[in-house]
Amino acid sequence: GFVTPDFPATRSDMLVWFARLYNFTLYDFEIRQYCSDINQYDPYAYAFALAAQWDVEMPTGHMTTILTGNPDGTCSPSGYMNRAEAVTFTLRVLAGAGRLDL
């Protein structure tokens, strides 16, 4: 793939970019327990599973995961991220990697 900064990024784009950045690899998982709208064989499913399982302690002491999904159990992989979601996601990734010191 390639980055197109003038076009919006989907949730699956963002998750795959960060999974590749940190050299996360494929592994056995059951994505349907985290996101009911993602098939285990989708090319981005591993990135969603990793994000749903990666525990992150925020600077406030609050524990969360990088991906929380929607209240109805879906993750909307083809939905576009707005700026607020992108910033929240990026901060969670950086906090989880130990690279955020506020």
N, C-alpha and C. Protein backbone atom coordinates (compact mmCIF):
# COMPACT_ATOMS: atom_id res chain seq x y z
N GLY A 1 0.81 -1.18 0.00
CA GLY A 1 0.00 0.00 0.00
C GLY A 1 0.86 1.25 0.00
N PHE A 2 0.20 2.34 -0.06
CA PHE A 2 0.86 3.63 -0.05
C PHE A 2 0.04 4.62 0.76
N VAL A 3 0.67 5.66 1.22
CA VAL A 3 0.01 6.68 2.03
C VAL A 3 -0.45 7.80 1.12
N THR A 4 -1.69 8.18 1.28
CA THR A 4 -2.25 9.30 0.52
C THR A 4 -2.77 10.33 1.51
N PRO A 5 -1.96 11.31 1.88
CA PRO A 5 -2.32 12.23 2.96
C PRO A 5 -3.53 13.12 2.67
N ASP A 6 -3.90 13.28 1.41
CA ASP A 6 -5.05 14.12 1.10
C ASP A 6 -6.37 13.36 1.12
N PHE A 7 -6.33 12.08 1.39
CA PHE A 7 -7.53 11.28 1.44
C PHE A 7 -7.74 10.77 2.87
N PRO A 8 -8.98 10.58 3.28
CA PRO A 8 -9.23 10.11 4.64
C PRO A 8 -8.75 8.67 4.84
N ALA A 9 -8.39 8.35 6.07
CA ALA A 9 -7.92 7.01 6.41
C ALA A 9 -9.05 6.24 7.09
N THR A 10 -9.16 4.98 6.76
CA THR A 10 -10.15 4.13 7.43
C THR A 10 -9.54 3.59 8.72
N ARG A 11 -10.39 3.03 9.56
CA ARG A 11 -9.90 2.42 10.81
C ARG A 11 -8.94 1.27 10.49
N SER A 12 -9.25 0.49 9.47
CA SER A 12 -8.35 -0.62 9.14
C SER A 12 -7.01 -0.10 8.63
N ASP A 13 -6.99 1.01 7.88
CA ASP A 13 -5.73 1.60 7.44
C ASP A 13 -4.86 1.96 8.64
N MET A 14 -5.42 2.68 9.60
CA MET A 14 -4.66 3.14 10.77
C MET A 14 -4.13 1.97 11.58
N LEU A 15 -4.96 0.97 11.81
CA LEU A 15 -4.52 -0.17 12.61
C LEU A 15 -3.40 -0.95 11.93
N VAL A 16 -3.51 -1.15 10.64
CA VAL A 16 -2.46 -1.88 9.91
C VAL A 16 -1.17 -1.08 9.90
N TRP A 17 -1.25 0.23 9.71
CA TRP A 17 -0.03 1.06 9.72
C TRP A 17 0.71 0.92 11.04
N PHE A 18 -0.02 1.00 12.17
CA PHE A 18 0.64 0.90 13.47
C PHE A 18 1.11 -0.53 13.75
N ALA A 19 0.37 -1.52 13.32
CA ALA A 19 0.82 -2.90 13.50
C ALA A 19 2.13 -3.14 12.76
N ARG A 20 2.22 -2.58 11.57
CA ARG A 20 3.47 -2.72 10.79
C ARG A 20 4.59 -1.90 11.40
N LEU A 21 4.27 -0.73 11.92
CA LEU A 21 5.28 0.12 12.55
C LEU A 21 5.98 -0.60 13.70
N TYR A 22 5.21 -1.33 14.50
CA TYR A 22 5.77 -2.04 15.65
C TYR A 22 6.08 -3.50 15.34
N ASN A 23 6.08 -3.86 14.06
CA ASN A 23 6.43 -5.21 13.61
C ASN A 23 5.60 -6.30 14.24
N PHE A 24 4.32 -6.02 14.44
CA PHE A 24 3.42 -7.06 14.91
C PHE A 24 3.17 -8.02 13.77
N THR A 25 3.06 -9.28 14.09
CA THR A 25 2.88 -10.29 13.07
C THR A 25 1.57 -11.02 13.28
N LEU A 26 1.24 -11.84 12.31
CA LEU A 26 0.03 -12.65 12.39
C LEU A 26 0.17 -13.69 13.48
N TYR A 27 -0.93 -14.03 14.09
CA TYR A 27 -0.94 -15.09 15.08
C TYR A 27 -2.36 -15.63 15.18
N ASP A 28 -2.55 -16.70 15.92
CA ASP A 28 -3.89 -17.29 16.05
C ASP A 28 -4.75 -16.43 16.95
N PHE A 29 -5.97 -16.17 16.52
CA PHE A 29 -6.88 -15.34 17.28
C PHE A 29 -8.30 -15.60 16.80
N GLU A 30 -9.24 -15.15 17.56
CA GLU A 30 -10.64 -15.22 17.17
C GLU A 30 -11.17 -13.80 17.20
N ILE A 31 -11.17 -13.13 16.07
CA ILE A 31 -11.54 -11.72 15.99
C ILE A 31 -13.01 -11.48 16.30
N ARG A 32 -13.88 -12.44 16.06
CA ARG A 32 -15.31 -12.23 16.25
C ARG A 32 -15.66 -11.92 17.70
N GLN A 33 -14.83 -12.30 18.64
CA GLN A 33 -15.12 -11.97 20.04
C GLN A 33 -14.92 -10.49 20.33
N TYR A 34 -14.18 -9.80 19.46
CA TYR A 34 -13.93 -8.37 19.64
C TYR A 34 -14.75 -7.52 18.68
N CYS A 35 -14.89 -7.97 17.45
CA CYS A 35 -15.55 -7.18 16.41
C CYS A 35 -16.43 -8.11 15.57
N SER A 36 -17.72 -7.99 15.71
CA SER A 36 -18.63 -8.89 15.01
C SER A 36 -18.71 -8.64 13.51
N ASP A 37 -18.21 -7.49 13.06
CA ASP A 37 -18.29 -7.16 11.64
C ASP A 37 -16.98 -7.41 10.88
N ILE A 38 -16.07 -8.16 11.48
CA ILE A 38 -14.80 -8.48 10.83
C ILE A 38 -14.67 -10.00 10.74
N ASN A 39 -14.32 -10.47 9.57
CA ASN A 39 -14.10 -11.89 9.35
C ASN A 39 -12.65 -12.21 9.70
N GLN A 40 -12.41 -13.36 10.25
CA GLN A 40 -11.07 -13.77 10.65
C GLN A 40 -10.09 -13.78 9.48
N TYR A 41 -10.58 -13.90 8.27
CA TYR A 41 -9.71 -13.99 7.09
C TYR A 41 -9.55 -12.65 6.38
N ASP A 42 -10.13 -11.57 6.91
CA ASP A 42 -9.90 -10.25 6.34
C ASP A 42 -8.43 -9.90 6.53
N PRO A 43 -7.80 -9.23 5.55
CA PRO A 43 -6.36 -8.97 5.64
C PRO A 43 -5.95 -8.07 6.81
N TYR A 44 -6.87 -7.33 7.36
CA TYR A 44 -6.57 -6.44 8.48
C TYR A 44 -7.04 -7.00 9.82
N ALA A 45 -7.60 -8.20 9.84
CA ALA A 45 -8.18 -8.76 11.06
C ALA A 45 -7.15 -8.89 12.18
N TYR A 46 -5.91 -9.28 11.85
CA TYR A 46 -4.89 -9.43 12.88
C TYR A 46 -4.61 -8.12 13.60
N ALA A 47 -4.63 -7.01 12.86
CA ALA A 47 -4.36 -5.70 13.47
C ALA A 47 -5.47 -5.32 14.43
N PHE A 48 -6.73 -5.62 14.08
CA PHE A 48 -7.84 -5.34 14.99
C PHE A 48 -7.76 -6.21 16.23
N ALA A 49 -7.41 -7.48 16.07
CA ALA A 49 -7.29 -8.38 17.23
C ALA A 49 -6.18 -7.92 18.17
N LEU A 50 -5.06 -7.51 17.62
CA LEU A 50 -3.95 -7.00 18.45
C LEU A 50 -4.37 -5.75 19.21
N ALA A 51 -5.04 -4.83 18.52
CA ALA A 51 -5.45 -3.58 19.16
C ALA A 51 -6.50 -3.81 20.23
N ALA A 52 -7.36 -4.81 20.04
CA ALA A 52 -8.39 -5.11 21.03
C ALA A 52 -7.81 -5.78 22.27
N GLN A 53 -6.65 -6.42 22.14
CA GLN A 53 -6.04 -7.14 23.26
C GLN A 53 -4.91 -6.38 23.94
N TRP A 54 -4.41 -5.34 23.32
CA TRP A 54 -3.26 -4.61 23.84
C TRP A 54 -3.70 -3.69 24.97
N ASP A 55 -3.39 -4.07 26.20
CA ASP A 55 -3.73 -3.25 27.37
C ASP A 55 -2.80 -2.05 27.46
N VAL A 56 -3.39 -0.90 27.71
CA VAL A 56 -2.65 0.35 27.75
C VAL A 56 -2.98 1.08 29.04
N GLU A 57 -1.94 1.51 29.76
CA GLU A 57 -2.16 2.36 30.93
C GLU A 57 -1.92 3.80 30.49
N MET A 58 -2.96 4.59 30.57
CA MET A 58 -2.86 5.99 30.17
C MET A 58 -2.16 6.77 31.28
N PRO A 59 -1.63 7.96 30.96
CA PRO A 59 -0.93 8.77 31.97
C PRO A 59 -1.77 9.07 33.20
N THR A 60 -3.09 9.02 33.06
CA THR A 60 -3.99 9.26 34.20
C THR A 60 -4.11 8.04 35.11
N GLY A 61 -3.53 6.91 34.68
CA GLY A 61 -3.63 5.68 35.44
C GLY A 61 -4.77 4.79 34.98
N HIS A 62 -5.60 5.29 34.08
CA HIS A 62 -6.74 4.56 33.54
C HIS A 62 -6.26 3.47 32.59
N MET A 63 -6.78 2.26 32.74
CA MET A 63 -6.44 1.15 31.84
C MET A 63 -7.48 1.07 30.73
N THR A 64 -7.01 0.86 29.53
CA THR A 64 -7.89 0.72 28.37
C THR A 64 -7.18 -0.16 27.35
N THR A 65 -7.78 -0.35 26.22
CA THR A 65 -7.14 -1.01 25.10
C THR A 65 -7.05 0.00 23.95
N ILE A 66 -6.23 -0.29 22.97
CA ILE A 66 -6.11 0.63 21.85
C ILE A 66 -7.42 0.72 21.09
N LEU A 67 -8.10 -0.39 20.96
CA LEU A 67 -9.37 -0.44 20.24
C LEU A 67 -10.47 -0.85 21.20
N THR A 68 -11.49 -0.03 21.31
CA THR A 68 -12.62 -0.39 22.16
C THR A 68 -13.84 -0.78 21.36
N GLY A 69 -13.93 -0.37 20.11
CA GLY A 69 -15.06 -0.74 19.27
C GLY A 69 -16.31 0.05 19.60
N ASN A 70 -17.38 -0.31 18.94
CA ASN A 70 -18.67 0.37 19.12
C ASN A 70 -19.50 -0.36 20.17
N PRO A 71 -20.46 0.32 20.78
CA PRO A 71 -21.30 -0.33 21.81
C PRO A 71 -22.04 -1.56 21.31
N ASP A 72 -22.32 -1.64 20.01
CA ASP A 72 -23.07 -2.78 19.47
C ASP A 72 -22.17 -3.97 19.12
N GLY A 73 -20.87 -3.90 19.44
CA GLY A 73 -19.95 -5.00 19.19
C GLY A 73 -19.28 -4.98 17.83
N THR A 74 -19.50 -3.94 17.07
CA THR A 74 -18.85 -3.80 15.77
C THR A 74 -17.65 -2.88 15.88
N CYS A 75 -16.80 -2.88 14.85
CA CYS A 75 -15.61 -2.03 14.84
C CYS A 75 -15.55 -1.10 13.64
N SER A 76 -16.44 -1.27 12.69
CA SER A 76 -16.52 -0.42 11.50
C SER A 76 -15.16 -0.27 10.81
N PRO A 77 -14.57 -1.36 10.32
CA PRO A 77 -13.24 -1.30 9.74
C PRO A 77 -13.13 -0.40 8.51
N SER A 78 -14.20 -0.28 7.76
CA SER A 78 -14.15 0.57 6.56
C SER A 78 -14.60 1.99 6.83
N GLY A 79 -14.95 2.28 8.08
CA GLY A 79 -15.35 3.64 8.44
C GLY A 79 -14.14 4.55 8.52
N TYR A 80 -14.34 5.80 8.14
CA TYR A 80 -13.24 6.76 8.19
C TYR A 80 -13.03 7.28 9.60
N MET A 81 -11.77 7.47 9.97
CA MET A 81 -11.43 8.06 11.27
C MET A 81 -11.47 9.57 11.14
N ASN A 82 -12.10 10.20 12.13
CA ASN A 82 -12.02 11.66 12.17
C ASN A 82 -10.76 12.03 12.95
N ARG A 83 -10.47 13.30 13.03
CA ARG A 83 -9.22 13.72 13.68
C ARG A 83 -9.18 13.33 15.15
N ALA A 84 -10.29 13.48 15.85
CA ALA A 84 -10.33 13.14 17.28
C ALA A 84 -10.04 11.66 17.49
N GLU A 85 -10.63 10.80 16.68
CA GLU A 85 -10.38 9.36 16.79
C GLU A 85 -8.92 9.04 16.46
N ALA A 86 -8.38 9.69 15.46
CA ALA A 86 -6.99 9.44 15.07
C ALA A 86 -6.02 9.85 16.18
N VAL A 87 -6.28 10.99 16.82
CA VAL A 87 -5.41 11.45 17.91
C VAL A 87 -5.53 10.51 19.10
N THR A 88 -6.76 10.12 19.47
CA THR A 88 -6.96 9.19 20.58
C THR A 88 -6.26 7.87 20.31
N PHE A 89 -6.41 7.35 19.12
CA PHE A 89 -5.78 6.10 18.74
C PHE A 89 -4.26 6.21 18.82
N THR A 90 -3.71 7.28 18.27
CA THR A 90 -2.25 7.48 18.27
C THR A 90 -1.72 7.59 19.69
N LEU A 91 -2.40 8.32 20.57
CA LEU A 91 -1.97 8.45 21.96
C LEU A 91 -1.99 7.10 22.67
N ARG A 92 -3.02 6.30 22.40
CA ARG A 92 -3.08 4.97 23.02
C ARG A 92 -1.95 4.07 22.53
N VAL A 93 -1.64 4.14 21.24
CA VAL A 93 -0.54 3.34 20.71
C VAL A 93 0.78 3.76 21.34
N LEU A 94 1.03 5.06 21.42
CA LEU A 94 2.26 5.55 22.00
C LEU A 94 2.36 5.21 23.49
N ALA A 95 1.25 5.32 24.21
CA ALA A 95 1.24 4.96 25.64
C ALA A 95 1.51 3.47 25.81
N GLY A 96 0.92 2.65 24.96
CA GLY A 96 1.12 1.21 25.03
C GLY A 96 2.53 0.79 24.71
N ALA A 97 3.19 1.55 23.88
CA ALA A 97 4.57 1.24 23.51
C ALA A 97 5.58 1.86 24.45
N GLY A 98 5.09 2.57 25.48
CA GLY A 98 5.99 3.20 26.43
C GLY A 98 6.69 4.40 25.86
N ARG A 99 6.12 5.01 24.86
CA ARG A 99 6.75 6.17 24.21
C ARG A 99 6.01 7.47 24.48
N LEU A 100 5.12 7.44 25.44
CA LEU A 100 4.36 8.65 25.77
C LEU A 100 4.65 9.02 27.21
N ASP A 101 5.21 10.17 27.42
CA ASP A 101 5.54 10.63 28.76
C ASP A 101 4.99 12.04 28.93
N LEU A 102 3.82 12.10 29.55
CA LEU A 102 3.20 13.41 29.77
C LEU A 102 3.49 13.94 31.14
